[in-house]
């Protein structure tokens, strides 16, 4: 569980840093033309729109930071073997991948599909970018579960 929470936070950081800031493909409220559930549009090509998107990107980063902090605190509190082996643990990396994948699946389904408040990359091939994000999430969950399961098989007496 600690590594899963850590994975959610780290997956959120990758999304927020790479997709929101570095590539600037989207922001939290940068939906273009979606008013399905009464969400007001905040376009990124106006100062008020960019200010609102930046504010909500900041709240998003606060959430991911708290998830990382919580995951690290829980992980540290559960260390029961020499710390040098923790970072080589298949269980740690497996559950971290599960958390990252869960972040992608939840964020992709809720923000991209259901709420439509933003997409991975708006414009041409938007649906393919959103689908790729979901597929990456599913692959991370599946691969992480296999890696974590493999760690239990290897450590069994």
Protein backbone atom coordinates (compact mmCIF):
# COMPACT_ATOMS: atom_id res chain seq x y z
CA UNK A 1 0.00 0.00 0.00
CA UNK A 2 2.73 2.58 0.76
CA UNK A 3 4.36 2.04 -2.63
CA UNK A 4 0.97 2.28 -4.37
CA UNK A 5 0.32 5.68 -2.76
CA UNK A 6 3.86 6.72 -3.67
CA UNK A 7 3.19 5.59 -7.26
CA UNK A 8 0.01 7.67 -7.44
CA UNK A 9 1.98 10.75 -6.38
CA UNK A 10 4.91 10.11 -8.70
CA UNK A 11 2.59 9.38 -11.62
CA UNK A 12 0.84 12.65 -10.90
CA UNK A 13 4.16 14.48 -10.86
CA UNK A 14 5.13 13.01 -14.25
CA UNK A 15 1.76 14.11 -15.65
CA UNK A 16 1.88 17.58 -14.08
CA UNK A 17 5.51 18.33 -14.83
CA UNK A 18 5.77 16.84 -18.31
CA UNK A 19 2.27 17.32 -19.76
CA UNK A 20 1.22 20.51 -17.95
CA UNK A 21 4.49 22.42 -17.67
CA UNK A 22 7.23 21.15 -20.01
CA UNK A 23 5.17 20.12 -23.05
CA UNK A 24 2.21 22.39 -22.15
CA UNK A 25 -0.23 20.00 -23.83
CA UNK A 26 -2.93 20.67 -21.27
CA UNK A 27 -3.71 22.16 -17.87
CA UNK A 28 -6.30 21.10 -15.29
CA UNK A 29 -9.16 23.12 -16.78
CA UNK A 30 -8.03 23.62 -20.38
CA UNK A 31 -10.97 21.84 -21.99
CA UNK A 32 -11.77 23.17 -25.43
CA UNK A 33 -15.49 23.20 -26.04
CA UNK A 34 -16.71 20.81 -23.35
CA UNK A 35 -19.57 22.00 -21.17
CA UNK A 36 -21.06 18.53 -20.57
CA UNK A 37 -21.44 18.92 -16.83
CA UNK A 38 -21.48 22.66 -16.44
CA UNK A 39 -17.70 23.05 -16.17
CA UNK A 40 -16.79 26.53 -17.35
CA UNK A 41 -14.02 26.74 -19.93
CA UNK A 42 -10.74 28.36 -18.99
CA UNK A 43 -8.78 28.72 -22.25
CA UNK A 44 -5.02 28.96 -22.00
CA UNK A 45 -4.80 31.77 -24.56
CA UNK A 46 -6.19 34.43 -22.20
CA UNK A 47 -4.56 35.80 -19.06
CA UNK A 48 -7.56 35.03 -16.77
CA UNK A 49 -7.84 31.53 -18.27
CA UNK A 50 -4.15 30.82 -17.83
CA UNK A 51 -4.25 32.18 -14.27
CA UNK A 52 -7.12 29.83 -13.36
CA UNK A 53 -5.41 26.86 -15.04
CA UNK A 54 -2.15 27.61 -13.22
CA UNK A 55 -3.99 27.82 -9.89
CA UNK A 56 -5.64 24.42 -10.43
CA UNK A 57 -2.38 22.92 -11.69
CA UNK A 58 -0.93 24.09 -8.35
CA UNK A 59 -3.71 22.35 -6.37
CA UNK A 60 -3.02 19.23 -8.45
CA UNK A 61 0.68 19.40 -7.52
CA UNK A 62 -0.20 19.86 -3.83
CA UNK A 63 -2.24 16.62 -4.05
CA UNK A 64 0.60 14.72 -5.75
CA UNK A 65 3.16 16.08 -3.28
CA UNK A 66 0.99 14.96 -0.34
CA UNK A 67 0.60 11.51 -1.94
CA UNK A 68 4.39 11.18 -2.29
CA UNK A 69 4.94 12.41 1.26
CA UNK A 70 2.31 9.99 2.62
CA UNK A 71 3.70 7.08 0.62
CA UNK A 72 7.25 7.77 1.81
CA UNK A 73 6.12 8.10 5.44
CA UNK A 74 4.19 4.82 5.28
CA UNK A 75 7.05 3.07 3.52
CA UNK A 76 9.57 4.28 6.08
CA UNK A 77 7.35 3.23 8.97
CA UNK A 78 7.12 -0.32 7.62
CA UNK A 79 10.78 -0.98 6.96
CA UNK A 80 11.55 -4.27 8.61
CA UNK A 81 14.70 -5.34 6.77
CA UNK A 82 17.99 -3.62 6.01
CA UNK A 83 17.35 -0.35 4.22
CA UNK A 84 19.92 -1.09 1.54
CA UNK A 85 17.63 -3.76 0.10
CA UNK A 86 14.51 -1.61 -0.05
CA UNK A 87 15.35 0.11 -3.35
CA UNK A 88 16.05 -3.25 -5.03
CA UNK A 89 12.71 -4.67 -3.89
CA UNK A 90 10.51 -6.03 -6.69
CA UNK A 91 7.51 -5.46 -4.42
CA UNK A 92 8.36 -1.76 -4.00
CA UNK A 93 8.75 -1.17 -7.76
CA UNK A 94 5.76 -3.35 -8.59
CA UNK A 95 3.39 -1.55 -6.24
CA UNK A 96 4.82 1.81 -7.27
CA UNK A 97 3.97 0.95 -10.91
CA UNK A 98 0.47 -0.11 -9.80
CA UNK A 99 -0.03 3.27 -8.13
CA UNK A 100 1.20 5.17 -11.18
CA UNK A 101 -1.09 3.11 -13.40
CA UNK A 102 -4.06 3.72 -11.10
CA UNK A 103 -3.35 7.44 -11.27
CA UNK A 104 -3.40 7.30 -15.09
CA UNK A 105 -6.60 5.23 -15.17
CA UNK A 106 -8.51 7.37 -12.67
CA UNK A 107 -7.29 10.69 -14.06
CA UNK A 108 -7.79 9.53 -17.64
CA UNK A 109 -11.31 8.26 -17.06
CA UNK A 110 -12.55 11.08 -14.83
CA UNK A 111 -10.75 14.20 -16.14
CA UNK A 112 -10.37 13.22 -19.80
CA UNK A 113 -13.48 11.15 -20.48
CA UNK A 114 -16.23 11.82 -17.92
CA UNK A 115 -15.63 15.47 -16.99
CA UNK A 116 -13.79 16.44 -20.15
CA UNK A 117 -11.94 19.21 -18.31
CA UNK A 118 -8.80 18.52 -20.34
CA UNK A 119 -7.24 15.94 -22.64
CA UNK A 120 -3.71 14.59 -22.88
CA UNK A 121 -3.18 16.54 -26.09
CA UNK A 122 -6.09 18.50 -27.50
CA UNK A 123 -6.60 18.79 -31.23
CA UNK A 124 -5.82 16.29 -33.94
CA UNK A 125 -5.80 12.68 -32.73
CA UNK A 126 -7.02 13.76 -29.27
CA UNK A 127 -8.85 10.47 -28.72
CA UNK A 128 -5.72 8.47 -29.53
CA UNK A 129 -3.63 10.42 -27.00
CA UNK A 130 -6.31 9.84 -24.33
CA UNK A 131 -6.51 6.14 -25.21
CA UNK A 132 -2.72 5.83 -25.08
CA UNK A 133 -2.73 7.39 -21.61
CA UNK A 134 -5.31 4.83 -20.45
CA UNK A 135 -3.41 1.96 -22.07
CA UNK A 136 -0.19 3.06 -20.37
CA UNK A 137 -2.07 3.09 -17.07
CA UNK A 138 -3.41 -0.43 -17.65
CA UNK A 139 0.06 -1.67 -18.64
CA UNK A 140 1.59 -0.15 -15.51
CA UNK A 141 -1.06 -1.78 -13.29
CA UNK A 142 -0.68 -5.15 -15.00
CA UNK A 143 3.12 -5.08 -15.08
CA UNK A 144 3.29 -3.82 -11.52
CA UNK A 145 1.02 -6.59 -10.25
CA UNK A 146 3.15 -9.19 -12.04
CA UNK A 147 6.33 -7.72 -10.59
CA UNK A 148 4.86 -7.55 -7.07
CA UNK A 149 3.48 -11.10 -7.38
CA UNK A 150 6.86 -12.32 -8.63
CA UNK A 151 8.49 -10.87 -5.51
CA UNK A 152 6.20 -12.94 -3.27
CA UNK A 153 6.99 -16.13 -5.17
CA UNK A 154 10.76 -15.50 -4.86
CA UNK A 155 10.65 -14.76 -1.12
CA UNK A 156 8.40 -17.67 -0.18
CA UNK A 157 10.13 -20.34 1.96
